[in-house]
Amino acid sequence: MNDRTLALEIQGLYKISLEMQLQCLECSTIQTQNSHLLSLPLHIREEQNTLGVKVRSLPPILCIQLKRFRNMRGYTMKLNCRVTFPETFNFSEIKKDAFSADFTQNDRRYTLYAVVVHSGSAICGHYTAYVRHRVSKRWYYADDSHVSQSSWEEVQKTYGGRSSATAYMLMTPVWSKTSSSSSCPPSDPISDNKPDKKRDSSSSLSTSRPLSEACEAEKTQTNNATKTKSHIWTKPELLLFAPVILTFRFVPHAASLRWDQPPTSRPEMLWRRSLLAALLAVAVGVYLLPSPIDPKPHILKGPPPALEGPLAVNTRLQRGRRLFAGKLHGPESFTADGNSNVYTGTVDGKLWRIGPDDSLVLIAHMGQDLPECGSSTDYEPVCGRPHGVRLDRHGQLIVADSYFGLYSVDPKTGEKSLLVASSDGAAGVPFAFLNGVEISSQTGIIYFTDSSSRWGRRHVKLEVIELNSLGRLLSYDPGSKNVTVLLDSLYMPNGIALSPDENFLLLAETSIGCILRYWLKGPKAGTKEVILDNMIGYPDNIRLSDHGTFLVGMTTPRFQKFLPPFLDLIAPYPAVKRFLAKVVPLSWYNLLLPRYALVLELGLDGQITGTLHDPQGHLTWAISDVFQHRGRTYLGSTDLPFLPILEVWDSY
């Protein structure tokens, strides 16, 4: 059989004939055209999946693709929602309007034999498969070259929900009566080849129960047939599981995937060559794989400062308590009104009001209200993520949503008004990651930061590793509705705070551990200067305290231990960064983040006057904001599921 004939034979096994219908919206005319697919797409979010398509005929092997990847607002995201499926599909139970008029396979039934599983997100993932053996009917789990016995209960765990390991492709050969007509107990492809291993006496395969002569003969005939065929895959199995095989990575010796007998020992030389070939294939694949980042070398000013003087370690941040555990997830920034109400936004795209009695009231959703909001950053482009929040002179909440843009929100009704859309941006460059907000009480001008024109908030780790200078400081005039770029080429500009006289503002460049002063008035107006560099950590929001100093939340400390900090080590080496971005999942970088909380207090000249520490993370860690209101200090975070507060402030 040549390649073309084999390809056509495989196509015939999977070919689904369809009737495509196109309706004219003005004249109601319907045009019909016949087409075909090799897999049946199932849109798991829509209530109906016909979309003008009707099935004309079904193939011997039906592949059902669960459409778990969706493009929303320019972002690709994975849908981990729960989708159940049975072991047997009976098309007589499906609505008739899903089929064309000439469909005649009403009694067709399919039995599930393989499930392709995707683990991870839309950015980084891995494919595995569950496959049911055609003789023993037992399920096996295949992960690259490793195959292990599994069960239907394990397959059902891929339905979805909170787990990222979800079913992506279902493969169902047409059900055959002859496949289940034998009365003999099924043979096991693994245990049958291990005669020395005793079987469970409760098993149907127990050697204590003699087989009938017919069954013994059938078993012998099956074993002999297996031995005469290819010891890797028989042709029907190859055709059946071809799409599953194609999802696996390159394996030099596919014999490790065989079903009829366990892996046997091979000569040492062959094993070494196989290992070398596998390593070479991986190396070439990683080298050819494009890196998502384009880093430039960056040389830091020096090692981190010593933990002495005002930076000396203490436990002042442990003198607090947590509020709203499990109710507020990632309260990132805060503001307050004259009635002692405090406002914040969370990772699920919601805006909240905290009353003087610590009551919690939902104000608005920045995006869609989905059950998955807050479960993964993949949903943030749809659910929204409010970062900076402030109250303007008219009592309206000004919210910088990282994905959607700059908003004005009525704190009483939750009504939202879009001031500047992220897609519009400024100076011809869209916003990708709106972050900090500050409002002038004198002019009403809104100052805000766009941390990057390339990376969104859900890719903040790539932004930090790449160390680019694609951020901007901007202003919005509510009167003229004009957006002005004040500074560009900034390294992840984040929090901003006006001085008490509003002559200047401070701005945190998070990715390089630096704080700038930008002059708004006086002879230096329109210029910037560095007031704090080579910091002990990476600054997030900057707030004016209730006693005239600046408070800086440190999202991650930067300590010198046995080795320099991780980001310090890789900063000068773009090749290392590109490699890491290729092979290391973003979630793994969380392992490098210590559970250490740190707050800096700065004088108006930018010098450190005091610090608060929580070395063990007893109260909190990774602080994003430090907001003081009527004697209480609120400590923000980007992801933690609670709100830490201090009732007493002590920085000395």
Foldseek 3Di string as FASTA:
>chain_A
DDPVVVVVVLQQQQKWKKWAWDADPPPRDIDIDIDIDSAAEDAPPDPDDCNRMATAEGGQKYKYFYPQWDQDPNAIKGHQDFADDDQKDAQLPDDPVRHDPNRDPNGWMWGWAKWWKWADIPVDIAIWMWGADLFQRFIWTGGFLDIDTDHVVVVRVQRGDLGRTHTGMIMTGIDDPVSPPDPAHTDFLEVVQVVVDADDPPDPPHPVDDDDPVNVVVVVVVLVVCVVAPQADHVVRCSRCVVVVVRHDDQPDSSSRGGNYHDDDDDPVVVVVRVVVVVVVVVVVLVPDFFPFDAAFDAAPDFFDDCDDQNPDDAQQVQWAWFQFQHAFFFFEWEADPQGWIWTWGQLQWIWIQHPVRDIDTQEFNADDDPCRLSAVSCCLHRWTWAAWYAFPVRWIWTQTQRFGTWTARRVRRDIDHLDGQVRCPPNQGAAGKAEWDADNVQRKIKTKRQASPHTPNVVVLLLLRQWFGMFIWIARPVVSDIGTLDGSAQRWAAKEAAPVRQWMWIFNFSQGWIKIAGCDDPRHSDIDTQDGSHQAGWHHWYQAPVRWIKTWGQAGFDQDVHGQPSNVCNRPSVVSSSCSSPPDPVVCVVSGALKTKMFIAHPSGDTDFMHINGRNPQGHRWRDWDDDPQKTWTGHRGRSIIIIRNHDDGD
